[in-house]
Amino acid sequence: MSEEKINAYLGLIGDLEDKMPSIENIAGKIHSLGQEINRISGKIPEEKLMALAGYLHHFYTGIEDILARIIKTVDGYMPRSGDWHSELLYISSRKTPGVRPAIISAEMHEILTDYKAFRHLYRHAYAKELRWKKMDHLALNIQDVWMAFKKSIMAVIQFLQKIINDLEK
């Protein structure tokens, strides 16, 4: 059993390390485009709003994929309710006694809830419904959000490496 767990955790660490640069790249694009849009006075071109909305969508989807992979591998299950996206965030912000610490803080849970809500809007809205004021705080704070999330995931990787080291003894 411990060899299976070691392999699963090593695979998870590899997946996390593979996904992080892509999400960081998207965060950089959001930051740049958000700064550019923020400097525009007057009507913001729809193409810029659509591009930013798409990047925000992909950013949160990447975050959610990482959280889902951790929960599925470490906790051994995935939420299956109709509201599983919200449940995943909630579970990620809570420790599972005897299994793992919280993946993200309660504050990060609240912040990511805003990104999740925007993704929902993006998926169900028409281009004309996108407004800079609905995404400005998401875009302009992206660097801080990404750095805090990345720090949380690096802590998860350290936690997994400690478990692997303990199992190998």
C-alpha atoms as a PDB file:
ATOM      1  CA  MET A   1       0.000   0.000   0.000  1.00  0.00           C
ATOM      2  CA  SER A   2       2.752   2.475   0.809  1.00  0.00           C
ATOM      3  CA  GLU A   3       4.379   1.963  -2.591  1.00  0.00           C
ATOM      4  CA  GLU A   4       1.029   2.746  -4.238  1.00  0.00           C
ATOM      5  CA  LYS A   5       0.665   5.869  -2.118  1.00  0.00           C
ATOM      6  CA  ILE A   6       4.250   6.950  -2.865  1.00  0.00           C
ATOM      7  CA  ASN A   7       3.656   6.551  -6.609  1.00  0.00           C
ATOM      8  CA  ALA A   8       0.334   8.407  -6.423  1.00  0.00           C
ATOM      9  CA  TYR A   9       1.906  11.282  -4.495  1.00  0.00           C
ATOM     10  CA  LEU A  10       4.930  11.430  -6.808  1.00  0.00           C
ATOM     11  CA  GLY A  11       2.550  11.558  -9.775  1.00  0.00           C
ATOM     12  CA  LEU A  12       0.555  14.313  -8.088  1.00  0.00           C
ATOM     13  CA  ILE A  13       3.697  16.360  -7.398  1.00  0.00           C
ATOM     14  CA  GLY A  14       4.714  15.972 -11.046  1.00  0.00           C
ATOM     15  CA  ASP A  15       1.266  17.060 -12.239  1.00  0.00           C
ATOM     16  CA  LEU A  16       1.250  20.091  -9.957  1.00  0.00           C
ATOM     17  CA  GLU A  17       4.721  21.124 -11.089  1.00  0.00           C
ATOM     18  CA  ASP A  18       3.642  20.713 -14.741  1.00  0.00           C
ATOM     19  CA  LYS A  19       0.432  22.759 -14.389  1.00  0.00           C
ATOM     20  CA  MET A  20       1.807  25.660 -12.353  1.00  0.00           C
ATOM     21  CA  PRO A  21       3.855  27.354 -15.128  1.00  0.00           C
ATOM     22  CA  SER A  22       0.849  27.381 -17.491  1.00  0.00           C
ATOM     23  CA  ILE A  23      -1.357  29.023 -14.894  1.00  0.00           C
ATOM     24  CA  GLU A  24       1.409  31.484 -14.030  1.00  0.00           C
ATOM     25  CA  ASN A  25       1.651  32.369 -17.721  1.00  0.00           C
ATOM     26  CA  ILE A  26      -2.099  33.015 -17.863  1.00  0.00           C
ATOM     27  CA  ALA A  27      -1.874  35.145 -14.703  1.00  0.00           C
ATOM     28  CA  GLY A  28       0.829  37.223 -16.401  1.00  0.00           C
ATOM     29  CA  LYS A  29      -1.383  37.756 -19.448  1.00  0.00           C
ATOM     30  CA  ILE A  30      -4.293  38.766 -17.217  1.00  0.00           C
ATOM     31  CA  HIS A  31      -2.072  41.230 -15.377  1.00  0.00           C
ATOM     32  CA  SER A  32      -0.753  42.822 -18.578  1.00  0.00           C
ATOM     33  CA  LEU A  33      -4.135  43.037 -20.279  1.00  0.00           C
ATOM     34  CA  GLY A  34      -5.808  44.261 -17.096  1.00  0.00           C
ATOM     35  CA  GLN A  35      -3.259  47.063 -16.778  1.00  0.00           C
ATOM     36  CA  GLU A  36      -3.766  47.974 -20.437  1.00  0.00           C
ATOM     37  CA  ILE A  37      -7.566  48.061 -20.104  1.00  0.00           C
ATOM     38  CA  ASN A  38      -7.342  50.044 -16.884  1.00  0.00           C
ATOM     39  CA  ARG A  39      -5.484  52.818 -18.754  1.00  0.00           C
ATOM     40  CA  ILE A  40      -8.203  53.142 -21.408  1.00  0.00           C
ATOM     41  CA  SER A  41     -10.437  56.151 -21.025  1.00  0.00           C
ATOM     42  CA  GLY A  42     -13.746  55.841 -22.777  1.00  0.00           C
ATOM     43  CA  LYS A  43     -15.273  52.741 -24.310  1.00  0.00           C
ATOM     44  CA  ILE A  44     -13.230  49.592 -23.860  1.00  0.00           C
ATOM     45  CA  PRO A  45     -13.041  47.484 -27.030  1.00  0.00           C
ATOM     46  CA  GLU A  46     -15.179  44.361 -26.737  1.00  0.00           C
ATOM     47  CA  GLU A  47     -12.286  42.221 -28.024  1.00  0.00           C
ATOM     48  CA  LYS A  48     -10.144  43.230 -25.052  1.00  0.00           C
ATOM     49  CA  LEU A  49     -12.922  42.419 -22.589  1.00  0.00           C
ATOM     50  CA  MET A  50     -13.546  39.066 -24.269  1.00  0.00           C
ATOM     51  CA  ALA A  51      -9.830  38.240 -24.215  1.00  0.00           C
ATOM     52  CA  LEU A  52      -9.532  39.164 -20.545  1.00  0.00           C
ATOM     53  CA  ALA A  53     -12.676  37.215 -19.671  1.00  0.00           C
ATOM     54  CA  GLY A  54     -11.286  34.163 -21.462  1.00  0.00           C
ATOM     55  CA  TYR A  55      -7.997  34.401 -19.595  1.00  0.00           C
ATOM     56  CA  LEU A  56      -9.835  34.754 -16.262  1.00  0.00           C
ATOM     57  CA  HIS A  57     -11.918  31.693 -17.163  1.00  0.00           C
ATOM     58  CA  HIS A  58      -8.797  29.660 -17.945  1.00  0.00           C
ATOM     59  CA  PHE A  59      -7.025  30.903 -14.813  1.00  0.00           C
ATOM     60  CA  TYR A  60      -9.787  29.724 -12.497  1.00  0.00           C
ATOM     61  CA  THR A  61     -10.246  26.461 -14.396  1.00  0.00           C
ATOM     62  CA  GLY A  62      -6.533  25.755 -13.912  1.00  0.00           C
ATOM     63  CA  ILE A  63      -6.813  26.516 -10.192  1.00  0.00           C
ATOM     64  CA  GLU A  64      -9.834  24.246  -9.912  1.00  0.00           C
ATOM     65  CA  ASP A  65      -8.032  21.436 -11.770  1.00  0.00           C
ATOM     66  CA  ILE A  66      -5.149  21.630  -9.296  1.00  0.00           C
ATOM     67  CA  LEU A  67      -7.463  21.554  -6.279  1.00  0.00           C
ATOM     68  CA  ALA A  68      -9.465  18.666  -7.738  1.00  0.00           C
ATOM     69  CA  ARG A  69      -6.309  16.646  -8.428  1.00  0.00           C
ATOM     70  CA  ILE A  70      -5.092  17.137  -4.853  1.00  0.00           C
ATOM     71  CA  ILE A  71      -8.452  16.263  -3.288  1.00  0.00           C
ATOM     72  CA  LYS A  72      -8.938  13.202  -5.485  1.00  0.00           C
ATOM     73  CA  THR A  73      -5.428  11.857  -4.848  1.00  0.00           C
ATOM     74  CA  VAL A  74      -4.986  12.716  -1.166  1.00  0.00           C
ATOM     75  CA  ASP A  75      -8.550  12.532   0.164  1.00  0.00           C
ATOM     76  CA  GLY A  76      -9.478   9.684  -2.165  1.00  0.00           C
ATOM     77  CA  TYR A  77     -12.713  11.151  -3.538  1.00  0.00           C
ATOM     78  CA  MET A  78     -14.189  14.066  -5.444  1.00  0.00           C
ATOM     79  CA  PRO A  79     -17.367  15.958  -4.575  1.00  0.00           C
ATOM     80  CA  ARG A  80     -20.207  14.836  -6.838  1.00  0.00           C
ATOM     81  CA  SER A  81     -23.080  17.088  -5.819  1.00  0.00           C
ATOM     82  CA  GLY A  82     -24.718  19.467  -8.263  1.00  0.00           C
ATOM     83  CA  ASP A  83     -22.746  22.220  -6.553  1.00  0.00           C
ATOM     84  CA  TRP A  84     -19.430  20.350  -6.625  1.00  0.00           C
ATOM     85  CA  HIS A  85     -17.457  23.424  -7.757  1.00  0.00           C
ATOM     86  CA  SER A  86     -18.357  25.263  -4.539  1.00  0.00           C
ATOM     87  CA  GLU A  87     -17.923  22.127  -2.459  1.00  0.00           C
ATOM     88  CA  LEU A  88     -14.433  21.597  -3.893  1.00  0.00           C
ATOM     89  CA  LEU A  89     -13.392  25.101  -2.802  1.00  0.00           C
ATOM     90  CA  TYR A  90     -14.899  24.550   0.634  1.00  0.00           C
ATOM     91  CA  ILE A  91     -13.188  21.185   1.127  1.00  0.00           C
ATOM     92  CA  SER A  92      -9.895  22.685  -0.042  1.00  0.00           C
ATOM     93  CA  SER A  93     -10.083  25.317   2.687  1.00  0.00           C
ATOM     94  CA  ARG A  94     -10.632  22.738   5.435  1.00  0.00           C
ATOM     95  CA  LYS A  95      -8.177  20.240   6.817  1.00  0.00           C
ATOM     96  CA  THR A  96      -9.032  16.572   6.671  1.00  0.00           C
ATOM     97  CA  PRO A  97      -7.992  15.287  10.114  1.00  0.00           C
ATOM     98  CA  GLY A  98      -5.360  12.586   9.885  1.00  0.00           C
ATOM     99  CA  VAL A  99      -5.065  13.053   6.122  1.00  0.00           C
ATOM    100  CA  ARG A 100      -3.964  16.574   5.154  1.00  0.00           C
ATOM    101  CA  PRO A 101      -3.929  20.212   6.238  1.00  0.00           C
ATOM    102  CA  ALA A 102      -6.104  22.804   4.508  1.00  0.00           C
ATOM    103  CA  ILE A 103      -4.865  23.418   0.967  1.00  0.00           C
ATOM    104  CA  ILE A 104      -5.963  27.063   0.869  1.00  0.00           C
ATOM    105  CA  SER A 105      -6.814  29.585   3.571  1.00  0.00           C
ATOM    106  CA  ALA A 106     -10.344  30.747   4.350  1.00  0.00           C
ATOM    107  CA  GLU A 107      -9.377  34.102   2.833  1.00  0.00           C
ATOM    108  CA  MET A 108      -8.199  32.422  -0.389  1.00  0.00           C
ATOM    109  CA  HIS A 109     -11.479  30.471  -0.432  1.00  0.00           C
ATOM    110  CA  GLU A 110     -13.386  33.777  -0.488  1.00  0.00           C
ATOM    111  CA  ILE A 111     -11.132  35.246  -3.172  1.00  0.00           C
ATOM    112  CA  LEU A 112     -11.385  32.181  -5.406  1.00  0.00           C
ATOM    113  CA  THR A 113     -15.167  32.183  -4.971  1.00  0.00           C
ATOM    114  CA  ASP A 114     -15.164  35.503  -6.859  1.00  0.00           C
ATOM    115  CA  TYR A 115     -13.138  33.964  -9.706  1.00  0.00           C
ATOM    116  CA  LYS A 116     -15.498  30.964  -9.769  1.00  0.00           C
ATOM    117  CA  ALA A 117     -18.521  33.284  -9.930  1.00  0.00           C
ATOM    118  CA  PHE A 118     -16.961  35.225 -12.783  1.00  0.00           C
ATOM    119  CA  ARG A 119     -16.251  31.999 -14.674  1.00  0.00           C
ATOM    120  CA  HIS A 120     -19.931  31.112 -14.327  1.00  0.00           C
ATOM    121  CA  LEU A 121     -20.894  34.547 -15.675  1.00  0.00           C
ATOM    122  CA  TYR A 122     -18.468  34.139 -18.576  1.00  0.00           C
ATOM    123  CA  ARG A 123     -19.845  30.728 -19.513  1.00  0.00           C
ATOM    124  CA  HIS A 124     -23.442  31.926 -19.474  1.00  0.00           C
ATOM    125  CA  ALA A 125     -23.203  35.531 -20.684  1.00  0.00           C
ATOM    126  CA  TYR A 126     -23.065  37.142 -24.064  1.00  0.00           C
ATOM    127  CA  ALA A 127     -20.161  39.429 -24.947  1.00  0.00           C
ATOM    128  CA  LYS A 128     -22.284  42.543 -24.521  1.00  0.00           C
ATOM    129  CA  GLU A 129     -22.861  41.582 -20.869  1.00  0.00           C
ATOM    130  CA  LEU A 130     -19.160  41.694 -20.007  1.00  0.00           C
ATOM    131  CA  ARG A 131     -18.167  44.832 -18.164  1.00  0.00           C
ATOM    132  CA  TRP A 132     -14.754  45.957 -16.951  1.00  0.00           C
ATOM    133  CA  LYS A 133     -16.186  46.713 -13.490  1.00  0.00           C
ATOM    134  CA  LYS A 134     -17.196  43.045 -13.162  1.00  0.00           C
ATOM    135  CA  MET A 135     -13.633  41.887 -13.702  1.00  0.00           C
ATOM    136  CA  ASP A 136     -11.360  44.789 -12.795  1.00  0.00           C
ATOM    137  CA  HIS A 137     -10.681  43.570  -9.240  1.00  0.00           C
ATOM    138  CA  LEU A 138      -9.993  40.060 -10.545  1.00  0.00           C
ATOM    139  CA  ALA A 139      -7.513  41.277 -13.144  1.00  0.00           C
ATOM    140  CA  LEU A 140      -5.804  43.963 -11.092  1.00  0.00           C
ATOM    141  CA  ASN A 141      -5.245  41.662  -8.093  1.00  0.00           C
ATOM    142  CA  ILE A 142      -4.186  38.612 -10.113  1.00  0.00           C
ATOM    143  CA  GLN A 143      -0.483  38.757  -9.205  1.00  0.00           C
ATOM    144  CA  ASP A 144      -1.188  38.736  -5.459  1.00  0.00           C
ATOM    145  CA  VAL A 145      -3.808  36.008  -5.827  1.00  0.00           C
ATOM    146  CA  TRP A 146      -1.492  33.861  -7.931  1.00  0.00           C
ATOM    147  CA  MET A 147       1.476  34.278  -5.571  1.00  0.00           C
ATOM    148  CA  ALA A 148      -0.646  33.355  -2.530  1.00  0.00           C
ATOM    149  CA  PHE A 149      -2.161  30.348  -4.313  1.00  0.00           C
ATOM    150  CA  LYS A 150       1.241  29.214  -5.567  1.00  0.00           C
ATOM    151  CA  LYS A 151       2.621  29.453  -2.018  1.00  0.00           C
ATOM    152  CA  SER A 152      -0.262  27.242  -0.824  1.00  0.00           C
ATOM    153  CA  ILE A 153       0.473  24.640  -3.489  1.00  0.00           C
ATOM    154  CA  MET A 154       4.195  24.680  -2.712  1.00  0.00           C
ATOM    155  CA  ALA A 155       3.243  23.926   0.917  1.00  0.00           C
ATOM    156  CA  VAL A 156       1.141  20.983  -0.317  1.00  0.00           C
ATOM    157  CA  ILE A 157       4.121  19.701  -2.317  1.00  0.00           C
ATOM    158  CA  GLN A 158       6.337  19.934   0.789  1.00  0.00           C
ATOM    159  CA  PHE A 159       3.665  18.105   2.804  1.00  0.00           C
ATOM    160  CA  LEU A 160       3.505  15.327   0.194  1.00  0.00           C
ATOM    161  CA  GLN A 161       7.296  15.052   0.036  1.00  0.00           C
ATOM    162  CA  LYS A 162       7.423  14.649   3.823  1.00  0.00           C
ATOM    163  CA  ILE A 163       4.852  11.850   3.654  1.00  0.00           C
ATOM    164  CA  ILE A 164       6.834  10.176   0.862  1.00  0.00           C
ATOM    165  CA  ASN A 165      10.041  10.431   2.898  1.00  0.00           C
ATOM    166  CA  ASP A 166       8.296   8.980   5.967  1.00  0.00           C
ATOM    167  CA  LEU A 167       6.851   6.091   3.940  1.00  0.00           C
ATOM    168  CA  GLU A 168      10.240   5.289   2.412  1.00  0.00           C
ATOM    169  CA  LYS A 169      11.878   4.834   5.843  1.00  0.00           C
END
